Structures are given as structure tokens and as C-alpha cells.
């Protein structure tokens, strides 16, 4: 018994389509489980120097100084997808003692002073 060329083409194309659908579904489920589908602030930590609990003084290029702020993190542009506009990627997030948060472009930070640890 010989297979008709149309049936042969449909069986090959059908297998490829089913494979693509299966892979797309797999990667969709993996991204949904990891929760990386939206842009969010990344935590910063430099071992024994700077973490999200460290109180610091941040000096900007313009001369503005933010004293007694916590360096919470930064907005990341690792993902093309995300809820943040392009202008908000690469921003440093500082938290003031009263709970306010300030987002500053990372390129505007000149220096971060971290006090000596209390002994």
C-alpha cells in the first residue's frame, strides 16, 4: 500500500505543528510558574557593605544629597517584556526614614557613603 503525497505532507507538517504548540505551552507554563513575566525591582546586596537594611548617604551629580536612606534596589531592563516604560529602567530605588521612596536614574548617582558598622 502506497501513501498519497498529500497524506505524507500533512503528517510531517502536523507533527511539526504539534511540536511547536507543545514547546510554546511548556515555556508559557514555566514562565507563569517562575513569575518573571513582569518587570520588578531587583534587590541589591554587596556582601558586608551594602544591603537593603543598610542606611547610607547618596550624593548625586547635581549636588543633591539624600541622607539616611536605604538602598532598596533598582529597576532592571533584563526583560524586554514588562510593565515599566523604557525611561524607568535602570533607576535606583531609595527609601527614606519616613517610608517615602525615591527613584533616581542610576547614572546620576555620584557616590554612596556607607557608615562604618557599629561595634
Protein backbone atom coordinates (compact mmCIF):
# COMPACT_ATOMS: atom_id res chain seq x y z
CA UNK A 1 0.00 0.00 0.00
CA UNK A 2 1.36 3.34 -1.01
CA UNK A 3 0.78 6.60 0.92
CA UNK A 4 -0.57 9.50 -1.07
CA UNK A 5 1.85 12.53 -1.21
CA UNK A 6 -0.80 14.80 0.36
CA UNK A 7 -1.16 12.49 3.36
CA UNK A 8 2.62 12.30 3.72
CA UNK A 9 2.92 16.13 3.69
CA UNK A 10 0.08 16.55 6.18
CA UNK A 11 1.59 14.01 8.56
CA UNK A 12 5.00 15.74 8.51
CA UNK A 13 3.57 19.26 8.87
CA UNK A 14 1.15 18.05 11.55
CA UNK A 15 4.00 16.62 13.62
CA UNK A 16 5.96 19.88 13.37
CA UNK A 17 2.91 21.97 14.35
CA UNK A 18 2.14 19.72 17.33
CA UNK A 19 5.79 20.02 18.43
CA UNK A 20 5.71 23.82 18.23
CA UNK A 21 2.44 24.01 20.17
CA UNK A 22 3.81 21.67 22.85
CA UNK A 23 7.01 23.73 23.26
CA UNK A 24 5.09 27.02 23.36
CA UNK A 25 2.78 25.64 26.03
CA UNK A 26 5.71 24.30 28.05
CA UNK A 27 7.57 27.63 28.04
CA UNK A 28 4.39 29.55 28.85
CA UNK A 29 3.77 27.34 31.89
CA UNK A 30 7.41 27.67 33.03
CA UNK A 31 7.31 31.48 32.77
CA UNK A 32 3.98 31.55 34.61
CA UNK A 33 5.37 29.40 37.44
CA UNK A 34 8.53 31.47 37.89
CA UNK A 35 6.55 34.70 37.83
CA UNK A 36 9.14 36.58 35.75
CA UNK A 37 6.57 37.90 33.33
CA UNK A 38 6.63 41.45 34.69
CA UNK A 39 9.49 43.82 35.41
CA UNK A 40 10.13 44.43 39.07
CA UNK A 41 12.76 45.95 41.29
CA UNK A 42 15.80 43.85 41.97
CA UNK A 43 17.30 43.67 45.41
CA UNK A 44 20.84 44.84 45.79
CA UNK A 45 23.40 43.31 48.06
CA UNK A 46 27.14 43.78 48.23
CA UNK A 47 28.38 41.39 50.88
CA UNK A 48 29.25 43.11 54.17
CA UNK A 49 28.96 46.57 52.58
CA UNK A 50 25.52 47.32 51.22
CA UNK A 51 22.21 45.53 51.51
CA UNK A 52 18.55 46.54 51.78
CA UNK A 53 18.90 47.26 55.54
CA UNK A 54 21.97 49.50 55.28
CA UNK A 55 21.45 53.20 55.98
CA UNK A 56 23.54 55.29 53.59
CA UNK A 57 24.07 58.80 52.25
CA UNK A 58 23.68 59.15 48.48
CA UNK A 59 25.34 62.02 46.61
CA UNK A 60 24.06 62.91 43.15
CA UNK A 61 25.92 64.51 40.25
CA UNK A 62 23.78 67.65 40.66
CA UNK A 63 25.00 68.11 44.24
CA UNK A 64 21.79 66.91 45.87
CA UNK A 65 22.38 64.71 48.91
CA UNK A 66 19.95 62.11 50.28
CA UNK A 67 20.88 61.32 53.88
CA UNK A 68 19.75 58.34 55.96
CA UNK A 69 18.23 56.42 53.07
CA UNK A 70 18.14 52.70 52.42
CA UNK A 71 19.32 51.46 49.03
CA UNK A 72 16.35 49.18 48.27
CA UNK A 73 17.22 48.09 44.73
CA UNK A 74 16.99 49.08 41.10
CA UNK A 75 14.66 48.60 38.19
CA UNK A 76 16.02 46.10 35.72
CA UNK A 77 15.91 46.08 31.95
CA UNK A 78 16.78 42.37 31.67
CA UNK A 79 13.40 41.56 30.21
CA UNK A 80 12.02 43.12 27.06
CA UNK A 81 8.52 42.45 28.35
CA UNK A 82 7.31 44.31 31.37
CA UNK A 83 5.05 46.95 32.77
CA UNK A 84 7.70 49.66 33.06
CA UNK A 85 8.22 52.32 30.40
CA UNK A 86 11.71 52.46 28.89
CA UNK A 87 12.56 55.65 30.80
CA UNK A 88 12.09 53.89 34.16
CA UNK A 89 14.60 51.10 33.52
CA UNK A 90 17.92 51.42 35.33
CA UNK A 91 16.56 53.55 38.17
CA UNK A 92 17.90 53.31 41.74
CA UNK A 93 15.24 52.96 44.44
CA UNK A 94 15.95 54.74 47.74
CA UNK A 95 13.73 54.55 50.82
CA UNK A 96 13.62 57.46 53.26
CA UNK A 97 13.15 57.04 57.05
CA UNK A 98 9.50 58.17 56.79
CA UNK A 99 8.74 55.44 54.24
CA UNK A 100 8.83 57.55 51.07
CA UNK A 101 10.61 56.00 48.11
CA UNK A 102 12.59 57.90 45.51
CA UNK A 103 13.55 56.60 42.08
CA UNK A 104 16.70 58.17 40.61
CA UNK A 105 18.46 57.43 37.34
CA UNK A 106 21.49 55.30 38.20
CA UNK A 107 23.79 57.42 36.04
CA UNK A 108 23.03 60.44 38.27
CA UNK A 109 24.47 58.80 41.41
CA UNK A 110 27.98 60.10 42.03
CA UNK A 111 28.74 58.43 45.36
CA UNK A 112 27.17 56.27 48.07
CA UNK A 113 28.52 56.70 51.60
CA UNK A 114 28.06 53.77 53.93
CA UNK A 115 28.95 54.44 57.59
CA UNK A 116 31.25 52.14 59.49
CA UNK A 117 29.39 49.28 61.19
CA UNK A 118 28.66 49.76 64.89
CA UNK A 119 30.91 47.62 67.02
